[in-house]
Amino acid sequence: MTSFATTSSGTRIAYFESGRPWRPALVLSHSLGSDHRMWAPQIEALKSDYFIIAIDNIGHGKSSVPSGDYSVSDFAEAVIAVADAAELERFHFCGLSVGGIIGLLVAAHHPDRLLSLTVCNSAAKIGSSDLWNQRIEVARTQGMDALVEAVIARWFSAAFAEREPELFEQARATLLATDPNGYAGTCAALRDGDLSDAVASITTPTLVIGGVHDQAAPVEQSRWLHEHIGDSRLVELDAAHLSNLDRAEEFTPALSQFLASTTP
């Protein structure tokens, strides 16, 4: 079932509940060009122990697609709106790529709401302005067909499509189905978002997960986050950008163990 929260600007945010409402809450935020279904392996593994809220980020899935550029603050506000709508006083948060940057800002501005933070395949600043401006131009003028092959080549390691054909095809189809305006608006948030100065203020227990084959958010950036967040742990996986799918058999236990260690 799809539920909706509304931000102060009137943006409707879709979210999806799984698991047991009396268990500790875990909020999941996906990557650019994906949606909440990206987290299917983790939801299946963790739903017995947690109340899971998987968000469709602004401009993606069933959430609203506002016109123009978005900001990281817009996405962080959406997380709090969803948490309030789902009546979550405190919650674990796990985000990948843009979802990770969102988590960094939530932890910096709303530490009282978080039990823990997991930042996957992300950074305080991802990519260059030139990269994001090029993506914005292509998305808005040519659509997602013109982007899909170059983007998905960075998502997974070489053997993934053969190893997990259904997950690969679903990820590709979701990317193709993403609204070009939502994709471009999120690219603008990544272009303009830089949380380098905020990271040192984070006191929430944090797990940083990096992929040694990640071209979009190189593992060196995960190491930087670990070095600058005081209460943090680092896990490096033999994975590309979508490490939760690329190496689910390693990602999910790492996340599960961390959540268990930070649940009151």
C-alpha atoms as a PDB file:
ATOM      1  CA  MET A   1       0.000   0.000   0.000  1.00  0.00           C
ATOM      2  CA  THR A   2       1.211   3.493  -0.866  1.00  0.00           C
ATOM      3  CA  SER A   3       1.067   6.170   1.827  1.00  0.00           C
ATOM      4  CA  PHE A   4       1.801   9.855   1.350  1.00  0.00           C
ATOM      5  CA  ALA A   5       3.307  12.654   3.392  1.00  0.00           C
ATOM      6  CA  THR A   6       3.257  16.329   2.403  1.00  0.00           C
ATOM      7  CA  THR A   7       6.105  18.781   2.861  1.00  0.00           C
ATOM      8  CA  SER A   8       5.627  22.420   3.859  1.00  0.00           C
ATOM      9  CA  SER A   9       5.817  23.399   0.185  1.00  0.00           C
ATOM     10  CA  GLY A  10       3.030  20.984  -0.731  1.00  0.00           C
ATOM     11  CA  THR A  11       5.176  18.258  -2.309  1.00  0.00           C
ATOM     12  CA  ARG A  12       3.636  14.805  -1.883  1.00  0.00           C
ATOM     13  CA  ILE A  13       6.093  12.107  -0.869  1.00  0.00           C
ATOM     14  CA  ALA A  14       5.179   8.453  -1.384  1.00  0.00           C
ATOM     15  CA  TYR A  15       6.366   5.881   1.109  1.00  0.00           C
ATOM     16  CA  PHE A  16       5.883   2.173   1.622  1.00  0.00           C
ATOM     17  CA  GLU A  17       5.637   0.303   4.912  1.00  0.00           C
ATOM     18  CA  SER A  18       6.936  -3.194   5.600  1.00  0.00           C
ATOM     19  CA  GLY A  19       7.707  -5.214   8.687  1.00  0.00           C
ATOM     20  CA  ARG A  20       6.342  -4.857  12.193  1.00  0.00           C
ATOM     21  CA  PRO A  21       5.144  -1.468  13.476  1.00  0.00           C
ATOM     22  CA  TRP A  22       6.110  -2.287  17.065  1.00  0.00           C
ATOM     23  CA  ARG A  23       9.750  -2.830  16.081  1.00  0.00           C
ATOM     24  CA  PRO A  24      12.389  -0.075  15.745  1.00  0.00           C
ATOM     25  CA  ALA A  25      11.886   1.957  12.574  1.00  0.00           C
ATOM     26  CA  LEU A  26      14.236   1.964   9.596  1.00  0.00           C
ATOM     27  CA  VAL A  27      13.832   4.609   6.875  1.00  0.00           C
ATOM     28  CA  LEU A  28      15.372   3.867   3.463  1.00  0.00           C
ATOM     29  CA  SER A  29      16.260   6.430   0.773  1.00  0.00           C
ATOM     30  CA  HIS A  30      17.261   5.308  -2.720  1.00  0.00           C
ATOM     31  CA  SER A  31      19.669   6.551  -5.394  1.00  0.00           C
ATOM     32  CA  LEU A  32      19.137   8.947  -8.287  1.00  0.00           C
ATOM     33  CA  GLY A  33      17.101   7.250 -11.025  1.00  0.00           C
ATOM     34  CA  SER A  34      15.759   4.490  -8.804  1.00  0.00           C
ATOM     35  CA  ASP A  35      12.810   4.121  -6.419  1.00  0.00           C
ATOM     36  CA  HIS A  36      11.909   2.347  -3.170  1.00  0.00           C
ATOM     37  CA  ARG A  37      12.013  -1.076  -4.856  1.00  0.00           C
ATOM     38  CA  MET A  38      15.803  -0.811  -4.988  1.00  0.00           C
ATOM     39  CA  TRP A  39      15.780  -1.947  -1.350  1.00  0.00           C
ATOM     40  CA  ALA A  40      13.880  -5.213  -1.928  1.00  0.00           C
ATOM     41  CA  PRO A  41      16.684  -7.554  -0.747  1.00  0.00           C
ATOM     42  CA  GLN A  42      17.211  -5.586   2.459  1.00  0.00           C
ATOM     43  CA  ILE A  43      13.491  -5.234   3.164  1.00  0.00           C
ATOM     44  CA  GLU A  44      12.986  -8.975   2.811  1.00  0.00           C
ATOM     45  CA  ALA A  45      15.903  -9.716   5.148  1.00  0.00           C
ATOM     46  CA  LEU A  46      15.082  -7.135   7.810  1.00  0.00           C
ATOM     47  CA  LYS A  47      11.288  -6.935   7.901  1.00  0.00           C
ATOM     48  CA  SER A  48      10.982  -9.357  10.819  1.00  0.00           C
ATOM     49  CA  ASP A  49      13.087  -7.157  13.068  1.00  0.00           C
ATOM     50  CA  TYR A  50      12.181  -3.623  11.954  1.00  0.00           C
ATOM     51  CA  PHE A  51       9.336  -1.395  10.878  1.00  0.00           C
ATOM     52  CA  ILE A  52      10.622  -0.361   7.465  1.00  0.00           C
ATOM     53  CA  ILE A  53       9.665   2.826   5.644  1.00  0.00           C
ATOM     54  CA  ALA A  54      10.979   2.950   2.065  1.00  0.00           C
ATOM     55  CA  ILE A  55      10.638   6.380   0.490  1.00  0.00           C
ATOM     56  CA  ASP A  56      10.203   7.367  -3.147  1.00  0.00           C
ATOM     57  CA  ASN A  57      12.383  10.464  -3.260  1.00  0.00           C
ATOM     58  CA  ILE A  58      11.100  13.728  -4.699  1.00  0.00           C
ATOM     59  CA  GLY A  59      10.784  13.447  -8.480  1.00  0.00           C
ATOM     60  CA  HIS A  60      10.864   9.639  -8.412  1.00  0.00           C
ATOM     61  CA  GLY A  61       8.412   6.769  -8.290  1.00  0.00           C
ATOM     62  CA  LYS A  62       4.992   7.806  -7.024  1.00  0.00           C
ATOM     63  CA  SER A  63       6.170  11.020  -5.371  1.00  0.00           C
ATOM     64  CA  SER A  64       5.451  14.450  -6.819  1.00  0.00           C
ATOM     65  CA  VAL A  65       7.658  15.833  -9.582  1.00  0.00           C
ATOM     66  CA  PRO A  66       7.980  19.572  -8.908  1.00  0.00           C
ATOM     67  CA  SER A  67       9.312  21.699 -11.739  1.00  0.00           C
ATOM     68  CA  GLY A  68      12.778  23.257 -11.589  1.00  0.00           C
ATOM     69  CA  ASP A  69      15.795  22.472  -9.466  1.00  0.00           C
ATOM     70  CA  TYR A  70      15.666  20.671  -6.116  1.00  0.00           C
ATOM     71  CA  SER A  71      17.976  21.013  -3.111  1.00  0.00           C
ATOM     72  CA  VAL A  72      19.330  18.541  -0.580  1.00  0.00           C
ATOM     73  CA  SER A  73      17.313  20.465   2.007  1.00  0.00           C
ATOM     74  CA  ASP A  74      14.115  19.650   0.074  1.00  0.00           C
ATOM     75  CA  PHE A  75      14.909  15.938   0.347  1.00  0.00           C
ATOM     76  CA  ALA A  76      15.833  16.147   4.036  1.00  0.00           C
ATOM     77  CA  GLU A  77      12.563  17.964   4.758  1.00  0.00           C
ATOM     78  CA  ALA A  78      10.737  15.177   2.938  1.00  0.00           C
ATOM     79  CA  VAL A  79      12.338  12.559   5.212  1.00  0.00           C
ATOM     80  CA  ILE A  80      11.138  14.393   8.315  1.00  0.00           C
ATOM     81  CA  ALA A  81       7.671  14.831   6.785  1.00  0.00           C
ATOM     82  CA  VAL A  82       7.480  11.081   6.160  1.00  0.00           C
ATOM     83  CA  ALA A  83       8.730  10.283   9.664  1.00  0.00           C
ATOM     84  CA  ASP A  84       6.101  12.594  11.140  1.00  0.00           C
ATOM     85  CA  ALA A  85       3.327  11.124   8.976  1.00  0.00           C
ATOM     86  CA  ALA A  86       4.346   7.603  10.014  1.00  0.00           C
ATOM     87  CA  GLU A  87       4.533   8.734  13.661  1.00  0.00           C
ATOM     88  CA  LEU A  88       8.194   7.846  14.066  1.00  0.00           C
ATOM     89  CA  GLU A  89       9.704   9.623  17.039  1.00  0.00           C
ATOM     90  CA  ARG A  90      13.181   8.238  16.308  1.00  0.00           C
ATOM     91  CA  PHE A  91      14.402   6.003  13.524  1.00  0.00           C
ATOM     92  CA  HIS A  92      17.382   4.411  11.840  1.00  0.00           C
ATOM     93  CA  PHE A  93      18.178   5.939   8.444  1.00  0.00           C
ATOM     94  CA  CYS A  94      19.929   4.269   5.519  1.00  0.00           C
ATOM     95  CA  GLY A  95      20.524   6.100   2.251  1.00  0.00           C
ATOM     96  CA  LEU A  96      22.523   5.320  -0.875  1.00  0.00           C
ATOM     97  CA  SER A  97      24.101   7.893  -3.215  1.00  0.00           C
ATOM     98  CA  VAL A  98      21.816  10.957  -3.061  1.00  0.00           C
ATOM     99  CA  GLY A  99      20.072   9.118  -0.230  1.00  0.00           C
ATOM    100  CA  GLY A 100      23.358   9.168   1.664  1.00  0.00           C
ATOM    101  CA  ILE A 101      23.757  12.919   1.264  1.00  0.00           C
ATOM    102  CA  ILE A 102      20.183  13.327   2.464  1.00  0.00           C
ATOM    103  CA  GLY A 103      21.064  11.287   5.528  1.00  0.00           C
ATOM    104  CA  LEU A 104      24.089  13.453   6.270  1.00  0.00           C
ATOM    105  CA  LEU A 105      21.895  16.562   6.297  1.00  0.00           C
ATOM    106  CA  VAL A 106      19.211  14.922   8.446  1.00  0.00           C
ATOM    107  CA  ALA A 107      21.896  13.880  10.931  1.00  0.00           C
ATOM    108  CA  ALA A 108      23.390  17.386  10.976  1.00  0.00           C
ATOM    109  CA  HIS A 109      20.058  19.182  11.437  1.00  0.00           C
ATOM    110  CA  HIS A 110      17.861  16.633  13.248  1.00  0.00           C
ATOM    111  CA  PRO A 111      20.163  14.471  15.396  1.00  0.00           C
ATOM    112  CA  ASP A 112      17.409  14.013  17.957  1.00  0.00           C
ATOM    113  CA  ARG A 113      15.358  12.028  15.428  1.00  0.00           C
ATOM    114  CA  LEU A 114      17.986   9.444  14.502  1.00  0.00           C
ATOM    115  CA  LEU A 115      18.952   6.190  16.186  1.00  0.00           C
ATOM    116  CA  SER A 116      21.660   5.620  13.592  1.00  0.00           C
ATOM    117  CA  LEU A 117      22.802   6.702  10.139  1.00  0.00           C
ATOM    118  CA  THR A 118      24.034   4.484   7.300  1.00  0.00           C
ATOM    119  CA  VAL A 119      25.605   6.292   4.341  1.00  0.00           C
ATOM    120  CA  CYS A 120      26.180   4.056   1.324  1.00  0.00           C
ATOM    121  CA  ASN A 121      28.164   4.813  -1.842  1.00  0.00           C
ATOM    122  CA  SER A 122      27.934   8.500  -1.168  1.00  0.00           C
ATOM    123  CA  ALA A 123      29.999  11.533  -0.212  1.00  0.00           C
ATOM    124  CA  ALA A 124      29.756  15.003   1.208  1.00  0.00           C
ATOM    125  CA  LYS A 125      29.905  16.146  -2.421  1.00  0.00           C
ATOM    126  CA  ILE A 126      29.265  13.809  -5.364  1.00  0.00           C
ATOM    127  CA  GLY A 127      30.429  14.636  -8.869  1.00  0.00           C
ATOM    128  CA  SER A 128      31.345  17.877 -10.591  1.00  0.00           C
ATOM    129  CA  SER A 129      29.147  20.754 -11.702  1.00  0.00           C
ATOM    130  CA  ASP A 130      30.026  19.971 -15.310  1.00  0.00           C
ATOM    131  CA  LEU A 131      28.857  16.377 -14.948  1.00  0.00           C
ATOM    132  CA  TRP A 132      25.532  17.349 -13.417  1.00  0.00           C
ATOM    133  CA  ASN A 133      24.910  20.198 -15.855  1.00  0.00           C
ATOM    134  CA  GLN A 134      25.486  17.794 -18.725  1.00  0.00           C
ATOM    135  CA  ARG A 135      23.082  15.247 -17.193  1.00  0.00           C
ATOM    136  CA  ILE A 136      20.474  17.972 -16.642  1.00  0.00           C
ATOM    137  CA  GLU A 137      20.728  19.136 -20.255  1.00  0.00           C
ATOM    138  CA  VAL A 138      20.420  15.619 -21.680  1.00  0.00           C
ATOM    139  CA  ALA A 139      17.528  14.643 -19.392  1.00  0.00           C
ATOM    140  CA  ARG A 140      15.526  17.756 -20.199  1.00  0.00           C
ATOM    141  CA  THR A 141      16.172  17.787 -23.954  1.00  0.00           C
ATOM    142  CA  GLN A 142      16.550  14.122 -24.911  1.00  0.00           C
ATOM    143  CA  GLY A 143      14.951  12.141 -22.083  1.00  0.00           C
ATOM    144  CA  MET A 144      16.054   9.091 -20.171  1.00  0.00           C
ATOM    145  CA  ASP A 145      16.707   6.938 -23.253  1.00  0.00           C
ATOM    146  CA  ALA A 146      19.778   9.050 -23.934  1.00  0.00           C
ATOM    147  CA  LEU A 147      21.171   8.471 -20.420  1.00  0.00           C
ATOM    148  CA  VAL A 148      20.332   4.912 -19.497  1.00  0.00           C
ATOM    149  CA  GLU A 149      23.300   2.985 -20.890  1.00  0.00           C
ATOM    150  CA  ALA A 150      25.989   5.307 -19.519  1.00  0.00           C
ATOM    151  CA  VAL A 151      24.333   5.517 -16.108  1.00  0.00           C
ATOM    152  CA  ILE A 152      23.634   1.830 -15.583  1.00  0.00           C
ATOM    153  CA  ALA A 153      27.193   0.935 -16.601  1.00  0.00           C
ATOM    154  CA  ARG A 154      28.325   2.736 -13.425  1.00  0.00           C
ATOM    155  CA  TRP A 155      25.722   1.103 -11.190  1.00  0.00           C
ATOM    156  CA  PHE A 156      26.912  -2.507 -11.249  1.00  0.00           C
ATOM    157  CA  SER A 157      30.090  -4.550 -11.515  1.00  0.00           C
ATOM    158  CA  ALA A 158      30.719  -6.360 -14.786  1.00  0.00           C
ATOM    159  CA  ALA A 159      29.168  -9.737 -13.944  1.00  0.00           C
ATOM    160  CA  PHE A 160      26.017  -8.448 -12.213  1.00  0.00           C
ATOM    161  CA  ALA A 161      23.664  -8.551 -15.220  1.00  0.00           C
ATOM    162  CA  GLU A 162      24.495 -12.217 -15.793  1.00  0.00           C
ATOM    163  CA  ARG A 163      24.414 -13.072 -12.089  1.00  0.00           C
ATOM    164  CA  GLU A 164      21.161 -11.256 -11.261  1.00  0.00           C
ATOM    165  CA  PRO A 165      19.294 -10.682 -14.554  1.00  0.00           C
ATOM    166  CA  GLU A 166      15.932  -9.869 -12.966  1.00  0.00           C
ATOM    167  CA  LEU A 167      17.349  -7.260 -10.592  1.00  0.00           C
ATOM    168  CA  PHE A 168      19.391  -5.765 -13.427  1.00  0.00           C
ATOM    169  CA  GLU A 169      16.387  -5.470 -15.733  1.00  0.00           C
ATOM    170  CA  GLN A 170      14.228  -3.991 -12.990  1.00  0.00           C
ATOM    171  CA  ALA A 171      16.868  -1.375 -12.186  1.00  0.00           C
ATOM    172  CA  ARG A 172      17.200  -0.511 -15.868  1.00  0.00           C
ATOM    173  CA  ALA A 173      13.434  -0.279 -16.346  1.00  0.00           C
ATOM    174  CA  THR A 174      13.062   1.935 -13.283  1.00  0.00           C
ATOM    175  CA  LEU A 175      15.766   4.278 -14.558  1.00  0.00           C
ATOM    176  CA  LEU A 176      14.063   4.495 -17.968  1.00  0.00           C
ATOM    177  CA  ALA A 177      10.704   5.188 -16.307  1.00  0.00           C
ATOM    178  CA  THR A 178      12.040   8.010 -14.128  1.00  0.00           C
ATOM    179  CA  ASP A 179      10.512  11.371 -14.991  1.00  0.00           C
ATOM    180  CA  PRO A 180      13.232  13.391 -16.795  1.00  0.00           C
ATOM    181  CA  ASN A 181      12.236  16.509 -14.851  1.00  0.00           C
ATOM    182  CA  GLY A 182      12.554  14.681 -11.540  1.00  0.00           C
ATOM    183  CA  TYR A 183      15.902  13.271 -12.600  1.00  0.00           C
ATOM    184  CA  ALA A 184      17.166  16.689 -13.677  1.00  0.00           C
ATOM    185  CA  GLY A 185      15.900  18.369 -10.518  1.00  0.00           C
ATOM    186  CA  THR A 186      17.762  15.824  -8.401  1.00  0.00           C
ATOM    187  CA  CYS A 187      20.924  16.296 -10.477  1.00  0.00           C
ATOM    188  CA  ALA A 188      20.717  19.993  -9.570  1.00  0.00           C
ATOM    189  CA  ALA A 189      20.546  19.087  -5.873  1.00  0.00           C
ATOM    190  CA  LEU A 190      23.688  16.991  -6.275  1.00  0.00           C
ATOM    191  CA  ARG A 191      25.394  19.741  -8.258  1.00  0.00           C
ATOM    192  CA  ASP A 192      24.702  22.349  -5.600  1.00  0.00           C
ATOM    193  CA  GLY A 193      24.880  20.196  -2.475  1.00  0.00           C
ATOM    194  CA  ASP A 194      28.127  20.177  -0.510  1.00  0.00           C
ATOM    195  CA  LEU A 195      28.006  18.982   3.096  1.00  0.00           C
ATOM    196  CA  SER A 196      31.770  19.006   3.685  1.00  0.00           C
ATOM    197  CA  ASP A 197      31.487  21.611   6.436  1.00  0.00           C
ATOM    198  CA  ALA A 198      28.550  19.867   8.153  1.00  0.00           C
ATOM    199  CA  VAL A 199      29.997  16.364   8.389  1.00  0.00           C
ATOM    200  CA  ALA A 200      32.212  17.000  11.415  1.00  0.00           C
ATOM    201  CA  SER A 201      29.169  18.068  13.456  1.00  0.00           C
ATOM    202  CA  ILE A 202      27.477  14.663  13.093  1.00  0.00           C
ATOM    203  CA  THR A 203      27.325  12.767  16.377  1.00  0.00           C
ATOM    204  CA  THR A 204      24.874  10.039  15.337  1.00  0.00           C
ATOM    205  CA  PRO A 205      26.367   6.508  15.275  1.00  0.00           C
ATOM    206  CA  THR A 206      27.203   6.071  11.599  1.00  0.00           C
ATOM    207  CA  LEU A 207      28.029   3.218   9.243  1.00  0.00           C
ATOM    208  CA  VAL A 208      29.739   4.202   5.992  1.00  0.00           C
ATOM    209  CA  ILE A 209      29.593   1.638   3.185  1.00  0.00           C
ATOM    210  CA  GLY A 210      31.756   2.114   0.094  1.00  0.00           C
ATOM    211  CA  GLY A 211      32.325   0.161  -3.095  1.00  0.00           C
ATOM    212  CA  VAL A 212      35.868  -0.330  -4.324  1.00  0.00           C
ATOM    213  CA  HIS A 213      34.615  -0.311  -7.944  1.00  0.00           C
ATOM    214  CA  ASP A 214      32.321   2.695  -7.484  1.00  0.00           C
ATOM    215  CA  GLN A 215      32.961   5.291 -10.186  1.00  0.00           C
ATOM    216  CA  ALA A 216      30.155   7.647  -9.153  1.00  0.00           C
ATOM    217  CA  ALA A 217      31.204   7.965  -5.498  1.00  0.00           C
ATOM    218  CA  PRO A 218      34.734   6.530  -5.264  1.00  0.00           C
ATOM    219  CA  VAL A 219      35.624   4.628  -2.125  1.00  0.00           C
ATOM    220  CA  GLU A 220      38.104   7.372  -1.170  1.00  0.00           C
ATOM    221  CA  GLN A 221      35.095   9.578  -0.454  1.00  0.00           C
ATOM    222  CA  SER A 222      33.648   6.955   1.872  1.00  0.00           C
ATOM    223  CA  ARG A 223      36.975   6.844   3.675  1.00  0.00           C
ATOM    224  CA  TRP A 224      36.871  10.635   4.011  1.00  0.00           C
ATOM    225  CA  LEU A 225      33.434  10.457   5.619  1.00  0.00           C
ATOM    226  CA  HIS A 226      34.643   7.817   8.050  1.00  0.00           C
ATOM    227  CA  GLU A 227      37.634   9.965   9.004  1.00  0.00           C
ATOM    228  CA  HIS A 228      35.474  13.051   9.614  1.00  0.00           C
ATOM    229  CA  ILE A 229      32.486  11.502  11.424  1.00  0.00           C
ATOM    230  CA  GLY A 230      33.605  10.764  14.960  1.00  0.00           C
ATOM    231  CA  ASP A 231      31.319   7.857  15.831  1.00  0.00           C
ATOM    232  CA  SER A 232      31.568   5.947  12.551  1.00  0.00           C
ATOM    233  CA  ARG A 233      32.508   2.597  11.101  1.00  0.00           C
ATOM    234  CA  LEU A 234      33.623   1.835   7.542  1.00  0.00           C
ATOM    235  CA  VAL A 235      32.826  -1.210   5.421  1.00  0.00           C
ATOM    236  CA  GLU A 236      34.323  -1.552   1.942  1.00  0.00           C
ATOM    237  CA  LEU A 237      32.648  -3.956  -0.484  1.00  0.00           C
ATOM    238  CA  ASP A 238      33.787  -5.476  -3.767  1.00  0.00           C
ATOM    239  CA  ALA A 239      31.005  -3.544  -5.485  1.00  0.00           C
ATOM    240  CA  ALA A 240      30.119  -0.732  -7.841  1.00  0.00           C
ATOM    241  CA  HIS A 241      27.651   2.090  -7.111  1.00  0.00           C
ATOM    242  CA  LEU A 242      24.477   0.214  -6.143  1.00  0.00           C
ATOM    243  CA  SER A 243      26.289  -1.953  -3.615  1.00  0.00           C
ATOM    244  CA  ASN A 244      23.086  -3.040  -1.857  1.00  0.00           C
ATOM    245  CA  LEU A 245      22.148  -4.939  -5.035  1.00  0.00           C
ATOM    246  CA  ASP A 246      25.594  -5.607  -6.463  1.00  0.00           C
ATOM    247  CA  ARG A 247      26.784  -7.346  -3.284  1.00  0.00           C
ATOM    248  CA  ALA A 248      23.597  -7.879  -1.286  1.00  0.00           C
ATOM    249  CA  GLU A 249      25.056 -10.975   0.355  1.00  0.00           C
ATOM    250  CA  GLU A 250      27.697  -8.796   2.022  1.00  0.00           C
ATOM    251  CA  PHE A 251      25.817  -5.502   2.270  1.00  0.00           C
ATOM    252  CA  THR A 252      22.768  -6.795   4.132  1.00  0.00           C
ATOM    253  CA  PRO A 253      24.621  -8.560   6.988  1.00  0.00           C
ATOM    254  CA  ALA A 254      26.825  -5.482   7.471  1.00  0.00           C
ATOM    255  CA  LEU A 255      23.750  -3.279   7.734  1.00  0.00           C
ATOM    256  CA  SER A 256      21.910  -5.759   9.960  1.00  0.00           C
ATOM    257  CA  GLN A 257      24.791  -6.056  12.408  1.00  0.00           C
ATOM    258  CA  PHE A 258      25.170  -2.298  12.641  1.00  0.00           C
ATOM    259  CA  LEU A 259      21.454  -1.731  13.204  1.00  0.00           C
ATOM    260  CA  ALA A 260      21.395  -4.349  15.937  1.00  0.00           C
ATOM    261  CA  SER A 261      24.345  -2.698  17.665  1.00  0.00           C
ATOM    262  CA  THR A 262      22.670   0.730  17.668  1.00  0.00           C
ATOM    263  CA  THR A 263      19.133  -0.273  18.557  1.00  0.00           C
ATOM    264  CA  PRO A 264      18.296   0.599  22.192  1.00  0.00           C
END
